[in-house]
Protein backbone atom coordinates (compact mmCIF):
# COMPACT_ATOMS: atom_id res chain seq x y z
CA MET A 1 58.88 -24.74 -6.78
CA LEU A 2 56.55 -22.06 -7.66
CA LYS A 3 54.34 -24.83 -9.34
CA LYS A 4 54.57 -26.75 -6.09
CA ILE A 5 53.20 -24.22 -3.85
CA PHE A 6 50.35 -22.92 -5.92
CA LYS A 7 49.11 -26.45 -6.33
CA ILE A 8 49.45 -26.91 -2.43
CA THR A 9 47.63 -23.72 -2.36
CA GLY A 10 45.05 -24.68 -4.44
CA ILE A 11 44.30 -27.73 -2.46
CA VAL A 12 44.01 -25.96 0.70
CA ILE A 13 41.66 -23.49 -0.87
CA ALA A 14 39.66 -26.28 -2.27
CA GLY A 15 39.39 -28.11 0.89
CA ILE A 16 38.28 -25.27 2.61
CA ILE A 17 35.61 -24.61 0.07
CA ALA A 18 34.53 -28.15 0.30
CA LEU A 19 34.41 -28.40 4.25
CA ALA A 20 32.44 -24.97 4.11
CA GLY A 21 30.16 -26.20 1.42
CA ILE A 22 29.38 -29.63 3.85
CA ALA A 23 28.78 -27.50 7.02
CA TYR A 24 26.58 -25.27 4.78
CA LEU A 25 24.74 -28.41 4.33
CA VAL A 26 24.38 -29.61 7.01
CA ILE A 27 23.16 -26.18 8.53
CA TYR A 28 20.32 -25.88 5.57
CA ILE A 29 19.14 -29.72 6.50
CA ASN A 30 19.28 -28.89 10.37
CA MET A 31 17.00 -25.61 9.56
CA SER A 32 14.74 -27.12 7.11
CA MET A 33 13.62 -29.95 9.11
CA ARG A 34 12.98 -27.13 12.08
CA ILE A 35 11.24 -25.22 9.95
CA ALA A 36 8.98 -28.14 8.81
CA THR A 37 8.15 -29.03 12.08
CA ALA A 38 4.48 -29.84 13.22
CA TYR A 39 3.93 -29.32 16.85
CA ASP A 40 1.35 -31.46 17.35
CA HIS A 41 1.70 -31.67 20.95
CA VAL A 42 0.87 -27.94 21.35
CA ASN A 43 -2.80 -27.20 21.84
CA ALA A 44 -4.51 -23.46 22.25
CA GLU A 45 -5.32 -22.88 25.71
CA PRO A 46 -9.19 -22.09 26.51
CA ILE A 47 -9.55 -18.19 26.51
CA HIS A 48 -12.55 -15.93 27.35
CA VAL A 49 -12.67 -12.73 25.10
CA THR A 50 -14.96 -10.28 26.06
CA TYR A 51 -16.02 -7.85 22.66
CA ASP A 52 -16.63 -4.72 24.90
CA SER A 53 -15.71 -1.26 24.24
CA ALA A 54 -13.32 -1.55 27.11
CA SER A 55 -11.60 -4.51 25.91
CA ILE A 56 -11.33 -3.22 22.70
CA ALA A 57 -9.87 0.12 23.73
CA LEU A 58 -7.21 -2.23 25.82
CA GLY A 59 -6.50 -4.26 22.45
CA ALA A 60 -6.05 -0.82 20.31
CA ARG A 61 -2.98 0.31 22.54
CA LEU A 62 -1.97 -3.18 22.83
CA VAL A 63 -0.95 -3.77 19.08
CA SER A 64 0.75 -0.79 19.73
CA THR A 65 2.73 -1.00 22.14
CA ARG A 66 3.40 -4.69 21.34
CA VAL A 67 4.55 -3.64 18.01
CA CYS A 68 2.00 -5.49 15.94
CA ASN A 69 1.29 -2.85 13.23
CA GLU A 70 4.73 -1.54 13.66
CA CYS A 71 5.00 -4.90 11.87
CA HIS A 72 1.38 -6.10 9.92
CA GLY A 73 1.36 -2.13 9.11
CA SER A 74 -1.35 0.21 10.02
CA ASP A 75 -3.80 -1.38 8.43
CA PHE A 76 -2.95 -4.72 9.14
CA GLY A 77 -2.88 -5.93 5.80
CA GLY A 78 0.55 -6.86 5.91
CA ARG A 79 3.77 -6.02 3.98
CA ILE A 80 7.11 -7.00 3.12
CA MET A 81 9.67 -5.43 5.71
CA PHE A 82 12.37 -6.82 4.13
CA GLU A 83 13.93 -8.24 1.18
CA ASP A 84 17.74 -9.66 0.28
CA GLY A 85 19.45 -12.07 -2.35
CA MET A 86 21.15 -13.29 0.91
CA ILE A 87 18.89 -12.90 3.67
CA GLY A 88 15.44 -13.97 1.75
CA ARG A 89 12.43 -11.85 1.83
CA ILE A 90 10.56 -11.52 6.04
CA VAL A 91 6.87 -10.60 5.22
CA SER A 92 4.41 -9.82 8.28
CA ARG A 93 0.83 -11.39 7.00
CA ASN A 94 -2.22 -9.82 6.28
CA ILE A 95 -4.21 -10.47 9.63
CA THR A 96 -7.13 -8.95 8.15
CA HIS A 97 -10.30 -11.28 6.88
CA GLY A 98 -9.86 -9.29 3.48
CA LYS A 99 -8.52 -10.96 0.28
CA GLY A 100 -5.41 -12.73 1.15
CA GLY A 101 -5.85 -12.55 4.58
CA LEU A 102 -7.27 -14.52 7.30
CA PRO A 103 -9.87 -17.49 6.71
CA ASP A 104 -13.48 -16.16 7.54
CA ASP A 105 -13.05 -19.70 10.34
CA PHE A 106 -10.29 -18.37 12.02
CA THR A 107 -11.22 -18.86 15.39
CA GLU A 108 -10.17 -17.44 19.00
CA SER A 109 -7.95 -20.72 19.53
CA ASP A 110 -6.37 -19.90 16.08
CA TRP A 111 -5.20 -16.48 17.30
CA VAL A 112 -3.80 -18.17 20.72
CA MET A 113 -1.90 -20.28 19.03
CA ALA A 114 -0.16 -17.52 16.65
CA ILE A 115 0.04 -15.21 19.46
CA LYS A 116 0.88 -17.07 22.54
CA HIS A 117 2.74 -20.21 20.46
CA GLY A 118 3.85 -18.74 16.93
CA LEU A 119 2.34 -21.64 15.37
CA ASP A 120 -0.14 -21.36 12.33
CA ARG A 121 -3.32 -23.73 11.79
CA ASN A 122 -1.11 -27.00 10.69
CA LYS A 123 0.63 -26.21 14.02
CA GLN A 124 3.55 -25.24 12.18
CA PRO A 125 6.05 -22.25 13.15
CA LEU A 126 5.12 -18.73 11.98
CA LEU A 127 8.74 -17.71 10.80
CA TYR A 128 10.10 -14.21 11.97
CA MET A 129 6.86 -13.91 14.07
CA PRO A 130 7.90 -12.97 17.63
CA ALA A 131 5.67 -15.10 19.37
CA ASN A 132 8.44 -15.57 22.36
CA GLU A 133 7.31 -11.95 22.98
CA PHE A 134 3.72 -12.40 23.32
CA ALA A 135 4.18 -15.81 25.22
CA GLU A 136 4.45 -14.09 28.48
CA MET A 137 1.58 -11.80 27.80
CA SER A 138 -1.89 -12.27 30.12
CA GLU A 139 -5.21 -14.04 29.42
CA GLY A 140 -6.51 -10.43 29.76
CA ASP A 141 -4.27 -8.71 27.29
CA ILE A 142 -4.46 -11.31 24.69
CA ALA A 143 -8.03 -11.61 24.83
CA ALA A 144 -8.49 -7.85 24.54
CA ILE A 145 -5.94 -7.79 21.35
CA ILE A 146 -8.36 -10.44 19.87
CA ALA A 147 -11.15 -8.65 20.98
CA TYR A 148 -9.78 -5.85 18.58
CA MET A 149 -8.70 -7.68 15.76
CA SER A 150 -12.24 -8.02 15.58
CA THR A 151 -12.86 -4.68 14.60
CA ILE A 152 -10.21 -4.37 11.99
CA PRO A 153 -11.35 -3.51 8.38
CA ASN A 154 -10.45 -5.88 5.88
CA VAL A 155 -7.78 -5.20 3.33
CA ASP A 156 -7.42 -7.24 0.19
CA ARG A 157 -4.05 -7.63 0.12
CA GLU A 158 -2.42 -10.92 -1.02
CA ASN A 159 1.38 -10.67 0.04
CA PRO A 160 4.28 -12.52 -1.39
CA SER A 161 5.58 -15.72 1.07
CA VAL A 162 8.37 -15.47 3.37
CA LYS A 163 11.42 -16.71 2.04
CA VAL A 164 14.71 -17.83 3.56
CA GLY A 165 17.99 -17.15 2.20
CA PRO A 166 21.18 -19.08 2.28
CA LEU A 167 22.60 -16.55 4.91
CA ALA A 168 19.42 -16.66 7.27
CA TYR A 169 19.57 -20.45 7.47
CA VAL A 170 23.37 -19.42 8.72
CA LEU A 171 22.23 -16.86 11.51
CA GLY A 172 18.94 -18.22 12.04
CA MET A 173 21.20 -21.53 13.10
CA PHE A 174 23.21 -19.26 15.74
CA ASP A 175 20.12 -17.04 16.82
CA VAL A 176 21.44 -14.06 15.18
CA ILE A 177 18.32 -13.60 13.65
CA PRO A 178 15.31 -14.99 15.06
CA VAL A 179 14.07 -17.20 12.42
CA ILE A 180 11.81 -19.74 14.65
CA PRO A 181 10.95 -17.83 17.53
CA THR A 182 8.55 -20.36 18.76
CA GLU A 183 11.69 -22.50 19.23
CA LYS A 184 11.77 -20.17 22.17
CA ILE A 185 8.78 -21.10 23.58
CA ASP A 186 7.71 -23.15 26.78
CA HIS A 187 4.65 -24.29 25.17
CA THR A 188 3.43 -26.35 28.34
CA LYS A 189 3.17 -22.75 30.36
CA SER A 190 -0.28 -21.57 30.65
CA PHE A 191 -1.36 -18.09 30.48
CA ALA A 192 1.10 -15.74 32.41
CA GLN A 193 -0.70 -13.76 35.63
CA ALA A 194 -1.63 -10.39 35.37
CA VAL A 195 0.96 -7.42 36.59
CA THR A 196 -0.65 -4.51 37.89
CA PRO A 197 0.40 -1.41 35.85
CA ALA A 198 2.45 0.50 37.99
CA ALA A 199 5.50 2.36 37.93
CA THR A 200 7.58 -0.38 39.20
CA PRO A 201 10.48 -2.63 38.09
CA GLU A 202 8.13 -5.90 38.10
CA TYR A 203 5.26 -4.43 35.58
CA GLY A 204 8.68 -2.83 33.78
CA LYS A 205 9.60 -6.58 33.22
CA TYR A 206 6.26 -7.63 31.88
CA LEU A 207 6.05 -4.85 29.40
CA ALA A 208 10.11 -5.07 28.28
CA VAL A 209 9.49 -8.62 26.59
CA VAL A 210 8.92 -6.37 23.71
CA CYS A 211 12.80 -5.31 23.33
CA THR A 212 14.37 -8.87 24.10
CA ASN A 213 14.14 -10.20 20.35
CA CYS A 214 16.73 -7.32 19.74
CA HIS A 215 18.18 -6.68 22.92
CA GLY A 216 18.60 -9.81 24.76
CA PRO A 217 16.64 -11.52 27.10
CA GLN A 218 18.33 -9.86 29.84
CA LEU A 219 18.46 -6.21 27.45
CA LYS A 220 22.17 -6.23 27.42
CA GLY A 221 22.34 -5.63 23.69
CA ARG A 222 24.07 -7.37 20.89
CA GLY A 223 26.04 -7.19 17.86
CA PRO A 224 24.03 -6.30 14.23
CA MET A 225 21.56 -8.91 13.50
CA ILE A 226 21.90 -8.77 10.05
CA PRO A 227 25.13 -7.51 7.57
CA GLY A 228 25.40 -3.85 7.50
CA GLY A 229 23.20 -3.07 10.40
CA SER A 230 23.66 -1.10 13.59
CA PRO A 231 24.87 -2.68 17.17
CA ILE A 232 21.48 -2.98 19.28
CA PRO A 233 23.06 -1.45 22.74
CA ASP A 234 22.68 -2.45 26.40
CA LEU A 235 19.99 -0.82 28.24
CA THR A 236 20.98 -1.79 31.53
CA ALA A 237 22.71 0.24 33.77
CA THR A 238 26.11 -1.26 32.29
CA GLY A 239 25.37 0.49 28.94
CA ASN A 240 25.59 3.90 27.72
CA PRO A 241 21.52 4.45 27.89
CA GLY A 242 21.95 3.08 31.52
CA LYS A 243 23.78 6.33 32.10
CA TRP A 244 20.81 8.60 30.89
CA SER A 245 18.62 10.54 33.64
CA HIS A 246 14.71 9.22 33.64
CA GLY A 247 14.21 12.02 31.79
CA ASP A 248 16.41 11.74 29.03
CA PHE A 249 15.06 7.69 28.63
CA ILE A 250 11.73 9.24 28.02
CA LYS A 251 12.52 12.08 25.68
CA THR A 252 14.48 9.45 23.82
CA LEU A 253 11.43 7.40 23.56
CA ARG A 254 9.53 10.29 22.39
CA THR A 255 11.48 12.10 20.07
CA GLY A 256 14.04 8.97 18.63
CA ILE A 257 16.86 11.44 19.34
CA ARG A 258 19.57 10.79 22.00
CA PRO A 259 20.93 12.95 24.63
CA ASN A 260 23.48 13.76 22.80
CA GLY A 261 21.90 14.98 19.69
CA ALA A 262 22.29 11.78 18.01
CA LYS A 263 19.40 10.30 15.79
CA LEU A 264 18.23 6.47 17.00
CA ALA A 265 19.42 3.72 14.44
CA ASP A 266 16.81 3.51 11.95
CA ASP A 267 15.54 -0.05 12.71
CA MET A 268 14.74 1.10 16.20
CA PRO A 269 11.21 1.10 16.46
CA TRP A 270 10.93 4.46 18.43
CA LYS A 271 7.74 5.31 17.00
CA MET A 272 6.12 2.21 18.59
CA THR A 273 7.46 3.62 22.05
CA LEU A 274 5.23 6.91 21.64
CA SER A 275 1.87 4.51 22.59
CA PHE A 276 3.69 4.18 26.45
CA SER A 277 2.47 5.71 28.76
CA GLU A 278 4.77 7.58 31.20
CA GLN A 279 4.35 4.93 33.99
CA GLU A 280 5.21 2.57 31.65
CA LEU A 281 8.07 4.19 29.97
CA THR A 282 8.93 4.90 33.68
CA ALA A 283 8.71 0.96 34.60
CA ILE A 284 10.60 -0.40 31.44
CA HIS A 285 13.55 2.32 32.74
CA LEU A 286 13.27 1.10 36.67
CA TYR A 287 12.95 -2.97 35.04
CA ALA A 288 16.45 -1.68 32.69
CA GLN A 289 18.26 0.00 35.41
CA SER A 290 17.47 -2.93 37.73
CA LEU A 291 19.77 -5.26 35.90
CA LYS A 292 23.09 -5.20 36.58
């Protein structure tokens, strides 16, 4: 009798392992095909870039408030952001013209393809590049970033390539981590209309797009993006941060300390929010409060 139970148990376990293997194979093939997809139908919109001091100064602010230097590093030479045997290796690219960086003939159109569409020069996805956060930027803001990046000193740094691990294929398949953000973009849309800077929910919505890959499209939060990570909080009126006063909201994003004295999670880039003006943080708070 005991031998029969062991035999049945072994068959069940073997069946579960086989089904899991088949499921993973299906996921692996699906994700691999999507990663290798060439978006030949996507073309860069014409953009007018002015390389004057005002545009360059605006671009300098935008690369901070849009987290460009948070990912690519203060020198924009790129870095290994995360490495794990199961997740793989997340690497930000060297986006200077130094060794290991962008080619000398990298054009304004190439910048538009990368920033607005999340595609490389071969029109293939830039993995983990949060272009869906930038796709709704105005032409003027994207042009200012391009102008500023033309002033960056070259950095000689040859970073390793991105490596998608087995768990990343699974988490990417279910959009737990944004492996292929370009899939979230409507590539047929033109540049977004410029939004007048003001302490309004409308301007806050324009700015808060940078928060959506983590906090969700409606800022409602989500579970941890990686195993062992921190849950992502709901920033709206229904979440705990929604109960903070306006002063507490701004102070938290200035200091990294919650009103109760606890530190923000290590993966919350609150130092990036130091680059926002009080008007911008006010607009983001008003927008978050407007979401029910």
